[in-house]
C-alpha atoms as a PDB file:
ATOM      1  CA  MET A   1       0.000   0.000   0.000  1.00  0.00           C
ATOM      2  CA  ASP A   2       1.393   3.380  -0.940  1.00  0.00           C
ATOM      3  CA  ALA A   3       1.226   6.571   1.117  1.00  0.00           C
ATOM      4  CA  LYS A   4      -1.747   7.938  -0.836  1.00  0.00           C
ATOM      5  CA  ASN A   5      -3.831   4.821  -0.185  1.00  0.00           C
ATOM      6  CA  SER A   6      -2.788   4.808   3.482  1.00  0.00           C
ATOM      7  CA  SER A   7      -3.852   8.442   3.850  1.00  0.00           C
ATOM      8  CA  GLU A   8      -7.153   7.775   2.125  1.00  0.00           C
ATOM      9  CA  GLU A   9      -7.782   4.777   4.370  1.00  0.00           C
ATOM     10  CA  LEU A  10      -7.039   6.795   7.512  1.00  0.00           C
ATOM     11  CA  LEU A  11      -9.318   9.611   6.356  1.00  0.00           C
ATOM     12  CA  SER A  12     -12.059   7.086   5.659  1.00  0.00           C
ATOM     13  CA  LEU A  13     -11.640   5.612   9.155  1.00  0.00           C
ATOM     14  CA  LEU A  14     -11.700   9.094  10.668  1.00  0.00           C
ATOM     15  CA  GLU A  15     -14.929   9.949   8.840  1.00  0.00           C
ATOM     16  CA  ARG A  16     -16.580   6.706   9.954  1.00  0.00           C
ATOM     17  CA  GLU A  17     -15.545   6.977  13.609  1.00  0.00           C
ATOM     18  CA  PHE A  18     -16.332  10.704  13.790  1.00  0.00           C
ATOM     19  CA  LYS A  19     -19.897   9.999  12.631  1.00  0.00           C
ATOM     20  CA  LYS A  20     -20.234   7.181  15.154  1.00  0.00           C
ATOM     21  CA  LEU A  21     -19.065   9.450  17.970  1.00  0.00           C
ATOM     22  CA  GLU A  22     -21.607  12.091  16.945  1.00  0.00           C
ATOM     23  CA  GLU A  23     -24.296   9.432  17.482  1.00  0.00           C
ATOM     24  CA  VAL A  24     -22.766   8.256  20.742  1.00  0.00           C
ATOM     25  CA  PHE A  25     -22.733  11.721  22.282  1.00  0.00           C
ATOM     26  CA  LYS A  26     -26.386  12.207  21.301  1.00  0.00           C
ATOM     27  CA  LYS A  27     -27.560   8.857  22.671  1.00  0.00           C
ATOM     28  CA  VAL A  28     -25.565   7.672  25.691  1.00  0.00           C
ATOM     29  CA  ASN A  29     -26.410   8.648  29.227  1.00  0.00           C
ATOM     30  CA  PHE A  30     -23.377   9.462  31.340  1.00  0.00           C
ATOM     31  CA  LEU A  31     -23.685   8.319  34.941  1.00  0.00           C
ATOM     32  CA  ASP A  32     -20.591  10.195  36.146  1.00  0.00           C
ATOM     33  CA  LYS A  33     -20.791  13.924  35.431  1.00  0.00           C
ATOM     34  CA  ASN A  34     -17.086  14.573  36.060  1.00  0.00           C
ATOM     35  CA  LEU A  35     -16.066  11.948  33.520  1.00  0.00           C
ATOM     36  CA  GLU A  36     -18.777  13.191  31.169  1.00  0.00           C
ATOM     37  CA  ASN A  37     -17.255  16.686  31.256  1.00  0.00           C
ATOM     38  CA  PHE A  38     -13.777  15.192  30.811  1.00  0.00           C
ATOM     39  CA  VAL A  39     -14.598  13.164  27.697  1.00  0.00           C
ATOM     40  CA  LYS A  40     -16.795  15.886  26.216  1.00  0.00           C
ATOM     41  CA  ALA A  41     -13.899  18.350  26.466  1.00  0.00           C
ATOM     42  CA  TYR A  42     -11.835  15.977  24.316  1.00  0.00           C
ATOM     43  CA  TRP A  43     -14.793  15.665  21.925  1.00  0.00           C
ATOM     44  CA  GLU A  44     -14.987  19.447  21.564  1.00  0.00           C
ATOM     45  CA  ASP A  45     -11.261  19.545  20.791  1.00  0.00           C
ATOM     46  CA  CYS A  46     -11.714  16.737  18.268  1.00  0.00           C
ATOM     47  CA  LYS A  47     -14.528  18.598  16.494  1.00  0.00           C
ATOM     48  CA  TYR A  48     -12.409  21.754  16.391  1.00  0.00           C
ATOM     49  CA  PHE A  49      -9.452  19.954  14.815  1.00  0.00           C
ATOM     50  CA  TYR A  50     -11.714  18.065  12.413  1.00  0.00           C
ATOM     51  CA  LYS A  51     -13.475  21.200  11.180  1.00  0.00           C
ATOM     52  CA  ASN A  52     -10.207  23.092  10.842  1.00  0.00           C
ATOM     53  CA  GLY A  53      -8.546  20.431   8.715  1.00  0.00           C
ATOM     54  CA  GLU A  54      -6.197  19.095  11.386  1.00  0.00           C
ATOM     55  CA  LYS A  55      -7.123  15.518  10.578  1.00  0.00           C
ATOM     56  CA  ILE A  56      -4.181  13.833  12.309  1.00  0.00           C
ATOM     57  CA  LYS A  57      -4.986  15.513  15.614  1.00  0.00           C
ATOM     58  CA  ALA A  58      -8.676  14.677  15.157  1.00  0.00           C
ATOM     59  CA  PHE A  59      -7.806  11.034  14.399  1.00  0.00           C
ATOM     60  CA  GLU A  60      -5.677  10.805  17.547  1.00  0.00           C
ATOM     61  CA  LEU A  61      -8.488  12.196  19.680  1.00  0.00           C
ATOM     62  CA  VAL A  62     -11.091   9.883  18.132  1.00  0.00           C
ATOM     63  CA  ASN A  63      -9.058   6.906  19.302  1.00  0.00           C
ATOM     64  CA  TYR A  64      -8.448   8.411  22.725  1.00  0.00           C
ATOM     65  CA  ILE A  65     -12.162   9.200  23.158  1.00  0.00           C
ATOM     66  CA  TRP A  66     -13.162   5.642  22.251  1.00  0.00           C
ATOM     67  CA  GLY A  67     -10.737   4.350  24.868  1.00  0.00           C
ATOM     68  CA  ILE A  68     -12.275   6.552  27.540  1.00  0.00           C
ATOM     69  CA  LEU A  69     -15.813   5.589  26.512  1.00  0.00           C
ATOM     70  CA  ASP A  70     -14.975   1.875  26.529  1.00  0.00           C
ATOM     71  CA  CYS A  71     -13.477   2.193  30.011  1.00  0.00           C
ATOM     72  CA  MET A  72     -16.569   4.020  31.209  1.00  0.00           C
ATOM     73  CA  ALA A  73     -18.832   1.392  29.653  1.00  0.00           C
ATOM     74  CA  ASN A  74     -16.916  -1.427  31.321  1.00  0.00           C
ATOM     75  CA  ARG A  75     -17.170   0.316  34.694  1.00  0.00           C
ATOM     76  CA  ASN A  76     -20.957   0.731  34.174  1.00  0.00           C
ATOM     77  CA  LEU A  77     -20.656   4.496  33.978  1.00  0.00           C
ATOM     78  CA  LEU A  78     -22.626   4.744  30.723  1.00  0.00           C
ATOM     79  CA  GLU A  79     -26.118   3.752  29.725  1.00  0.00           C
ATOM     80  CA  ILE A  80     -25.781   2.666  26.107  1.00  0.00           C
ATOM     81  CA  PRO A  81     -28.811   2.211  23.856  1.00  0.00           C
ATOM     82  CA  GLU A  82     -28.992  -1.198  22.225  1.00  0.00           C
ATOM     83  CA  ASP A  83     -28.726   0.194  18.669  1.00  0.00           C
ATOM     84  CA  ILE A  84     -25.167   1.457  19.276  1.00  0.00           C
ATOM     85  CA  ARG A  85     -24.001  -1.077  21.855  1.00  0.00           C
ATOM     86  CA  ARG A  86     -22.091  -3.070  19.197  1.00  0.00           C
ATOM     87  CA  TRP A  87     -19.651  -0.156  18.861  1.00  0.00           C
ATOM     88  CA  PHE A  88     -18.410  -0.677  22.421  1.00  0.00           C
ATOM     89  CA  LYS A  89     -16.068  -3.342  23.766  1.00  0.00           C
ATOM     90  CA  VAL A  90     -18.333  -4.395  26.603  1.00  0.00           C
END
């Protein structure tokens, strides 16, 4: 795979995961308000970088955010609707 295809693949992954996170933040119920504020601050940064063309920074934050959300889910700190539950490692 050449650099162009790698970049296109990463951008495609970023687009997919960004859209999934938009759904997640609309649908999940956070049971710990401090952690909710923490992860939402990263989400706001991610959206800023994404909209301003800083795709690498946005991609890094997408992965970091998923890690935080998965930890929260495994500690029962999120209520996750069934239609998006498959996105979590629970």
